Protein backbone atom coordinates (compact mmCIF):
# COMPACT_ATOMS: atom_id res chain seq x y z
CA MET A 1 7.55 13.69 -3.63
CA TYR A 2 7.72 10.14 -5.19
CA ASP A 3 10.89 8.77 -6.91
CA ALA A 4 11.77 5.87 -8.97
CA GLY A 5 9.99 2.91 -8.04
CA GLU A 6 7.23 4.66 -6.38
CA VAL A 7 3.53 4.90 -7.72
CA PHE A 8 1.19 7.62 -6.39
CA ILE A 9 -2.07 5.92 -4.81
CA SER A 10 -5.43 7.83 -5.01
CA LEU A 11 -9.08 7.03 -4.06
CA SER A 12 -10.64 5.53 -6.98
CA LYS A 13 -14.28 6.69 -7.68
CA SER A 14 -15.12 3.49 -9.70
CA LYS A 15 -13.58 1.20 -7.19
CA CYS A 16 -15.39 3.06 -4.24
CA VAL A 17 -18.71 2.43 -6.17
CA ALA A 18 -17.69 -1.37 -6.89
CA GLY A 19 -17.39 -1.64 -3.18
CA LEU A 20 -20.69 -0.29 -2.56
CA LYS A 21 -19.44 3.00 -1.37
CA SER A 22 -21.13 6.51 -2.44
CA GLY A 23 -18.60 7.26 -5.17
CA THR A 24 -18.45 10.88 -3.76
CA ALA A 25 -15.99 12.80 -1.51
CA GLU A 26 -17.83 11.59 1.35
CA ASP A 27 -15.79 8.38 0.90
CA ARG A 28 -12.64 9.65 2.10
CA LYS A 29 -14.36 9.88 5.49
CA ASP A 30 -15.49 6.57 5.62
CA ARG A 31 -13.53 4.26 8.28
CA GLU A 32 -13.30 1.16 5.75
CA VAL A 33 -11.84 2.97 3.17
CA PHE A 34 -9.48 4.86 5.28
CA PHE A 35 -7.97 1.48 6.77
CA ASP A 36 -7.82 -0.08 3.29
CA LEU A 37 -5.99 3.11 2.01
CA ALA A 38 -3.80 3.31 4.97
CA ALA A 39 -2.89 -0.09 4.39
CA ILE A 40 -1.86 0.40 1.09
CA LEU A 41 0.16 3.23 2.16
CA CYS A 42 1.93 1.37 4.89
CA ALA A 43 2.41 -1.62 2.69
CA GLY A 44 5.65 -0.32 0.89
CA LEU A 45 7.71 0.34 4.14
CA VAL A 46 6.19 -3.00 5.59
CA SER A 47 7.23 -5.14 2.51
CA GLU A 48 10.64 -3.65 2.84
CA GLN A 49 10.98 -4.75 6.60
CA LEU A 50 9.60 -8.27 5.54
CA ALA A 51 12.09 -8.49 2.81
CA SER A 52 14.74 -7.19 4.99
CA GLN A 53 13.95 -10.21 7.65
CA ARG A 54 14.21 -12.75 4.74
CA ASN A 55 17.54 -11.62 3.24
CA GLY A 56 19.87 -10.02 5.56
CA ASN A 57 21.36 -7.93 2.43
CA LEU A 58 18.41 -5.76 2.31
CA SER A 59 17.46 -3.12 4.80
CA PRO A 60 14.07 -0.91 4.86
CA ASN A 61 14.34 3.11 3.75
CA SER A 62 12.00 4.42 5.98
CA LYS A 63 12.78 8.27 4.18
CA CYS A 64 10.94 6.82 1.23
CA ALA A 65 7.92 6.10 3.01
CA ILE A 66 7.66 9.73 4.35
CA PRO A 67 4.89 10.73 1.36
CA ASP A 68 2.78 8.09 2.37
CA GLN A 69 3.06 8.48 6.14
CA LYS A 70 1.70 12.15 5.40
CA LEU A 71 -0.86 11.23 3.30
CA ALA A 72 -2.20 8.54 5.77
CA ARG A 73 -2.23 11.30 8.66
CA GLN A 74 -4.27 13.34 6.23
CA GLN A 75 -6.53 10.32 5.63
CA LEU A 76 -6.99 9.78 9.42
CA GLY A 77 -8.09 13.17 10.08
CA GLU A 78 -10.49 13.27 7.35
CA ALA A 79 -12.24 9.87 8.46
CA ASN A 80 -12.30 11.41 11.97
CA LEU A 81 -10.22 8.75 13.34
CA SER A 82 -8.04 9.24 16.14
CA LYS A 83 -4.14 9.64 15.14
CA LYS A 84 -2.99 7.48 18.16
CA LEU A 85 -0.41 5.04 17.74
CA GLU A 86 -2.89 1.90 18.14
CA VAL A 87 -4.96 3.09 14.88
CA HIS A 88 -1.33 3.29 12.91
CA GLU A 89 -0.31 -0.33 14.41
CA LYS A 90 -3.66 -1.91 13.58
CA VAL A 91 -3.44 -0.56 9.78
CA GLU A 92 0.29 -1.73 9.75
CA LYS A 93 -0.92 -5.17 11.32
CA ALA A 94 -3.41 -5.47 8.44
CA ALA A 95 -0.84 -4.58 5.89
CA ARG A 96 1.88 -6.94 7.33
CA ASP A 97 -0.81 -9.70 7.47
CA LEU A 98 -1.97 -9.32 3.88
CA LEU A 99 1.62 -9.09 2.58
CA GLN A 100 2.69 -12.17 4.53
CA LEU A 101 -0.29 -14.18 2.97
CA LYS A 102 0.47 -12.93 -0.73
CA TRP A 103 4.24 -13.10 -0.32
CA GLN A 104 4.84 -15.27 -3.09
CA GLU A 105 2.90 -12.51 -5.51
CA VAL A 106 5.23 -9.88 -3.86
CA GLU A 107 8.40 -11.68 -4.88
CA HIS A 108 7.15 -12.66 -8.10
CA LEU A 109 6.55 -8.66 -8.68
CA ALA A 110 9.82 -7.73 -7.47
CA GLU A 111 11.66 -10.08 -9.60
CA PHE A 112 9.90 -8.58 -12.58
CA LEU A 113 10.66 -4.95 -11.52
CA PHE A 114 14.21 -5.68 -11.11
CA GLU A 115 14.36 -7.23 -14.69
CA VAL A 116 12.63 -4.37 -16.42
CA THR A 117 13.52 -1.37 -14.37
CA SER A 118 10.30 0.25 -15.28
CA ALA A 119 7.12 -0.52 -16.08
CA GLN A 120 3.51 0.77 -16.57
CA PRO A 121 0.62 0.12 -14.15
CA ASP A 122 -1.06 -2.14 -16.35
CA GLU A 123 2.14 -4.37 -16.85
CA ILE A 124 2.37 -4.47 -13.12
CA LEU A 125 -1.27 -5.39 -12.56
CA ASN A 126 -0.59 -8.26 -15.50
CA VAL A 127 2.04 -9.56 -13.67
CA ILE A 128 0.10 -9.46 -10.18
CA GLU A 129 -3.03 -11.30 -11.78
CA GLY A 130 -0.51 -13.70 -13.64
CA SER A 131 1.09 -14.67 -10.36
CA LYS A 132 -2.32 -15.76 -8.81
CA HIS A 133 -2.53 -18.79 -10.94
């Protein structure tokens, strides 16, 4: 189950349609949708790993990633993709590459969340959007 500091991630029909997908349950089997979702699910732990590389006082907590890892494995099965390590490594690399590219935004959001300790999804989105400018 998700604890403080975590947010439930789900497949959004409107975002699938906006991404030129069907907007049906079949989207869960789409390989492109799977990779995007799996990268999001891996991003939490990967961002902790990146942060710990930049700051020796931080250490990743892999136990917090267990719900996301379970969901990623479920999505692998639904997308009829191999559960082999190579697939997971590709997804983790995609998450790492995107996080590194957007690290300034990640740090900005982290600073905001440390200050307020609690935020609604729309507040988080506003911080992310604001840090792009």
